[in-house]
Amino acid sequence: MSSSMQQERGLLLLSTVSSFTFAILGIVLGSLVGSLVIIFDGAYSLVSLALTMLSLGAAHYLHKPEINKDSSQVAMIAPAVIAIKGSVIALMCIWSFYSAVEAILAGGRDINAGVALAFGMISVVGCYGTYRYIKVKSKNISSVLADAEAKQWVMDTVISASVLMGFVVAKILMMTQYAHLAVYADPTMVILASIYFIIVPVKMVRQAASELMDIYSHGGLVHAQNIK
């Protein structure tokens, strides 16, 4: 196995471990403190974990020595994986938006802002650290799968930062005459995050679909030439 293949697999493995850690932390802690947005953060990490495992499987297959790297079918694997990842993330954003709207209509959600703030700080540092490491290391190997992982961690970092800022606002509101509005901070953060972050997966799907069409068109042309 070449050095670049080992590096790619190592980066994807790192992303897998990080996603699992934040998924468990977010879902468990979010459930304990009653925060929809922390659960959203954890659920996103869980989805990222599943999608990273998909990337690992694709990378393992693509690096098999018996695989013909020049075939159009093989060339479609990486963009197809990215298209699937983008589609799943987009669907999760839509589901989260719906859940948050329901929470607002139900009167908001009370949360433990102190614990939530601590989680937010840990999450921001951890997600950004993972993103930077993958981003820097992936420059040396030109891996589209590693690049896709980096984009996922950018999203997770900004989600975590948004969560942190939202909890800061909620904490401040609790100390003012507008304390009754603090219950809406949690679902509002989810709505804003869902609207903003659906842009990234849509772009991922659009780009991957374009690549798939190019590969398909090129493959069809080559096939027609071979028939002649």
Protein backbone atom coordinates (compact mmCIF):
# COMPACT_ATOMS: atom_id res chain seq x y z
CA MET A 1 0.00 0.00 0.00
CA SER A 2 1.38 3.41 -0.99
CA SER A 3 2.05 6.18 1.50
CA SER A 4 -0.81 8.32 0.14
CA MET A 5 -3.24 5.42 0.52
CA GLN A 6 -2.15 4.89 4.10
CA GLN A 7 -2.53 8.59 4.87
CA GLU A 8 -6.00 8.70 3.33
CA ARG A 9 -7.11 5.66 5.31
CA GLY A 10 -5.61 7.14 8.47
CA LEU A 11 -7.48 10.42 8.00
CA LEU A 12 -10.76 8.64 7.39
CA LEU A 13 -10.16 6.49 10.46
CA LEU A 14 -9.46 9.59 12.55
CA SER A 15 -12.69 11.12 11.29
CA THR A 16 -14.55 7.93 12.22
CA VAL A 17 -13.25 7.91 15.80
CA SER A 18 -13.93 11.63 16.24
CA SER A 19 -17.45 11.33 14.84
CA PHE A 20 -18.24 8.44 17.17
CA THR A 21 -16.95 10.34 20.19
CA PHE A 22 -18.95 13.49 19.48
CA ALA A 23 -22.03 11.50 18.51
CA ILE A 24 -22.19 9.67 21.83
CA LEU A 25 -21.30 12.79 23.80
CA GLY A 26 -23.87 14.94 22.02
CA ILE A 27 -26.80 12.53 22.08
CA VAL A 28 -26.30 11.47 25.71
CA LEU A 29 -25.61 14.96 27.06
CA GLY A 30 -28.31 16.54 24.91
CA SER A 31 -30.87 14.11 26.27
CA LEU A 32 -29.75 14.74 29.85
CA VAL A 33 -29.95 18.54 29.66
CA GLY A 34 -32.99 18.58 27.37
CA SER A 35 -31.29 20.39 24.50
CA LEU A 36 -32.59 19.79 20.99
CA VAL A 37 -29.62 21.51 19.39
CA ILE A 38 -27.06 19.38 21.27
CA ILE A 39 -28.96 16.28 20.17
CA PHE A 40 -28.87 17.71 16.64
CA ASP A 41 -25.11 18.14 16.95
CA GLY A 42 -24.73 14.58 18.19
CA ALA A 43 -27.05 13.22 15.51
CA TYR A 44 -25.03 15.02 12.86
CA SER A 45 -21.88 13.39 14.22
CA LEU A 46 -23.62 10.01 14.14
CA VAL A 47 -24.61 10.54 10.52
CA SER A 48 -21.05 11.68 9.81
CA LEU A 49 -19.81 8.44 11.36
CA ALA A 50 -21.97 6.31 9.08
CA LEU A 51 -20.93 8.35 6.06
CA THR A 52 -17.25 8.21 7.00
CA MET A 53 -17.49 4.42 7.21
CA LEU A 54 -18.96 4.54 3.72
CA SER A 55 -15.94 6.57 2.61
CA LEU A 56 -13.60 4.09 4.26
CA GLY A 57 -15.26 1.25 2.39
CA ALA A 58 -14.98 3.14 -0.89
CA ALA A 59 -11.33 3.99 -0.25
CA HIS A 60 -10.53 0.37 0.59
CA TYR A 61 -12.18 -0.82 -2.62
CA LEU A 62 -10.54 1.82 -4.81
CA HIS A 63 -7.07 0.96 -3.54
CA LYS A 64 -7.30 -2.74 -4.32
CA PRO A 65 -4.51 -3.63 -6.77
CA GLU A 66 -6.81 -5.64 -9.03
CA ILE A 67 -9.17 -2.69 -9.56
CA ASN A 68 -8.93 -0.95 -12.92
CA LYS A 69 -8.64 2.70 -11.88
CA ASP A 70 -9.28 3.89 -15.44
CA SER A 71 -12.75 2.34 -15.82
CA SER A 72 -15.70 4.72 -15.72
CA GLN A 73 -17.51 2.54 -13.17
CA VAL A 74 -14.64 2.83 -10.71
CA ALA A 75 -14.30 6.57 -11.38
CA MET A 76 -17.94 6.99 -10.38
CA ILE A 77 -17.45 5.57 -6.89
CA ALA A 78 -15.91 8.62 -5.18
CA PRO A 79 -18.43 11.20 -6.51
CA ALA A 80 -21.27 8.75 -5.83
CA VAL A 81 -20.17 8.46 -2.20
CA ILE A 82 -20.01 12.25 -1.92
CA ALA A 83 -23.48 12.57 -3.48
CA ILE A 84 -24.88 10.10 -0.95
CA LYS A 85 -23.21 11.95 1.92
CA GLY A 86 -24.59 15.29 0.78
CA SER A 87 -28.09 13.89 0.32
CA VAL A 88 -28.18 12.33 3.78
CA ILE A 89 -26.91 15.50 5.46
CA ALA A 90 -29.51 17.58 3.58
CA LEU A 91 -32.30 15.25 4.71
CA MET A 92 -31.06 15.49 8.29
CA CYS A 93 -31.17 19.29 8.10
CA ILE A 94 -34.77 19.15 6.86
CA TRP A 95 -35.77 16.78 9.66
CA SER A 96 -34.05 18.96 12.27
CA PHE A 97 -35.80 22.06 10.96
CA TYR A 98 -39.17 20.35 11.29
CA SER A 99 -38.41 19.14 14.84
CA ALA A 100 -37.31 22.62 15.92
CA VAL A 101 -40.44 24.26 14.55
CA GLU A 102 -42.50 21.72 16.48
CA ALA A 103 -40.56 22.57 19.65
CA ILE A 104 -41.22 26.30 19.23
CA LEU A 105 -44.93 25.71 18.65
CA ALA A 106 -44.96 23.58 21.80
CA GLY A 107 -43.61 26.47 23.89
CA GLY A 108 -39.85 26.09 23.60
CA ARG A 109 -37.43 23.98 25.64
CA ASP A 110 -35.86 24.53 29.07
CA ILE A 111 -32.16 23.65 29.16
CA ASN A 112 -29.26 23.57 31.60
CA ALA A 113 -27.28 26.43 30.07
CA GLY A 114 -24.18 25.87 32.23
CA VAL A 115 -23.65 22.27 31.13
CA ALA A 116 -24.58 23.20 27.57
CA LEU A 117 -21.93 25.94 27.50
CA ALA A 118 -19.26 23.49 28.65
CA PHE A 119 -20.29 21.05 25.92
CA GLY A 120 -20.23 23.84 23.34
CA MET A 121 -16.65 24.81 24.16
CA ILE A 122 -15.39 21.22 24.10
CA SER A 123 -17.22 20.55 20.85
CA VAL A 124 -15.87 23.64 19.07
CA VAL A 125 -12.27 22.87 20.01
CA GLY A 126 -12.56 19.18 19.14
CA CYS A 127 -14.33 19.68 15.82
CA TYR A 128 -12.04 22.45 14.66
CA GLY A 129 -8.97 20.46 15.65
CA THR A 130 -10.18 17.48 13.64
CA TYR A 131 -10.97 19.68 10.64
CA ARG A 132 -7.58 21.40 10.65
CA TYR A 133 -5.69 18.14 10.94
CA ILE A 134 -7.59 16.50 8.08
CA LYS A 135 -7.40 19.63 5.94
CA VAL A 136 -3.63 20.04 6.34
CA LYS A 137 -2.80 16.37 5.88
CA SER A 138 -5.13 15.88 2.90
CA LYS A 139 -3.26 18.53 0.89
CA ASN A 140 -0.41 16.09 0.42
CA ILE A 141 -2.51 13.24 -0.98
CA SER A 142 -5.16 14.90 -3.20
CA SER A 143 -7.99 12.76 -1.85
CA VAL A 144 -11.56 13.76 -2.73
CA LEU A 145 -12.83 11.56 0.09
CA ALA A 146 -10.60 13.28 2.64
CA ASP A 147 -11.66 16.66 1.26
CA ALA A 148 -15.30 15.68 1.74
CA GLU A 149 -14.51 14.70 5.33
CA ALA A 150 -12.90 18.10 5.90
CA LYS A 151 -16.06 19.81 4.61
CA GLN A 152 -18.14 17.75 7.01
CA TRP A 153 -15.97 18.87 9.91
CA VAL A 154 -16.24 22.50 8.82
CA MET A 155 -20.00 22.12 9.10
CA ASP A 156 -19.71 20.42 12.46
CA THR A 157 -17.37 23.13 13.75
CA VAL A 158 -19.71 25.93 12.73
CA ILE A 159 -22.69 24.05 14.15
CA SER A 160 -20.84 23.71 17.45
CA ALA A 161 -19.82 27.38 17.40
CA SER A 162 -23.42 28.38 16.70
CA VAL A 163 -24.59 26.19 19.56
CA LEU A 164 -22.05 27.81 21.88
CA MET A 165 -23.08 31.33 20.89
CA GLY A 166 -26.73 30.42 21.25
CA PHE A 167 -26.22 29.15 24.77
CA VAL A 168 -24.31 32.32 25.64
CA VAL A 169 -27.32 34.32 24.45
CA ALA A 170 -29.68 32.05 26.39
CA LYS A 171 -27.59 32.46 29.54
CA ILE A 172 -27.66 36.24 29.18
CA LEU A 173 -31.42 36.23 28.58
CA MET A 174 -31.94 34.26 31.79
CA MET A 175 -30.39 37.12 33.74
CA THR A 176 -32.64 39.78 32.23
CA GLN A 177 -36.30 40.68 32.07
CA TYR A 178 -36.50 38.62 28.89
CA ALA A 179 -35.81 35.35 30.68
CA HIS A 180 -39.07 33.91 29.35
CA LEU A 181 -37.61 34.01 25.83
CA ALA A 182 -34.67 31.77 26.76
CA VAL A 183 -36.76 28.64 26.16
CA TYR A 184 -36.87 29.51 22.46
CA ALA A 185 -33.11 29.83 22.07
CA ASP A 186 -32.48 26.09 21.69
CA PRO A 187 -34.95 25.33 18.86
CA THR A 188 -34.18 28.65 17.17
CA MET A 189 -30.51 27.65 16.94
CA VAL A 190 -31.53 24.40 15.28
CA ILE A 191 -33.68 26.25 12.74
CA LEU A 192 -30.89 28.68 11.86
CA ALA A 193 -28.31 25.90 11.65
CA SER A 194 -30.57 23.78 9.45
CA ILE A 195 -31.24 26.62 7.02
CA TYR A 196 -27.60 27.60 6.80
CA PHE A 197 -26.07 24.15 6.62
CA ILE A 198 -28.31 22.72 3.98
CA ILE A 199 -26.35 24.88 1.52
CA VAL A 200 -23.14 22.84 1.89
CA PRO A 201 -24.63 19.38 1.23
CA VAL A 202 -26.65 20.74 -1.69
CA LYS A 203 -23.41 22.04 -3.23
CA MET A 204 -21.75 18.68 -2.55
CA VAL A 205 -24.56 16.83 -4.32
CA ARG A 206 -24.58 19.26 -7.25
CA GLN A 207 -20.83 18.98 -7.79
CA ALA A 208 -20.84 15.20 -7.40
CA ALA A 209 -23.78 14.86 -9.78
CA SER A 210 -21.93 16.98 -12.33
CA GLU A 211 -18.86 14.76 -12.03
CA LEU A 212 -20.99 11.64 -12.38
CA MET A 213 -22.60 13.01 -15.53
CA ASP A 214 -19.20 13.87 -16.99
CA ILE A 215 -17.85 10.41 -16.22
CA TYR A 216 -20.99 8.76 -17.58
CA SER A 217 -20.86 10.82 -20.78
CA HIS A 218 -17.17 10.11 -21.26
CA GLY A 219 -17.70 6.42 -20.56
CA GLY A 220 -20.53 6.27 -23.07
CA LEU A 221 -18.38 7.98 -25.69
CA VAL A 222 -15.51 5.57 -25.14
CA HIS A 223 -17.89 2.62 -25.32
CA ALA A 224 -19.33 3.88 -28.61
CA GLN A 225 -15.84 4.32 -30.04
CA ASN A 226 -14.91 0.79 -29.01
CA ILE A 227 -17.98 -0.58 -30.79
CA LYS A 228 -16.95 1.20 -33.97
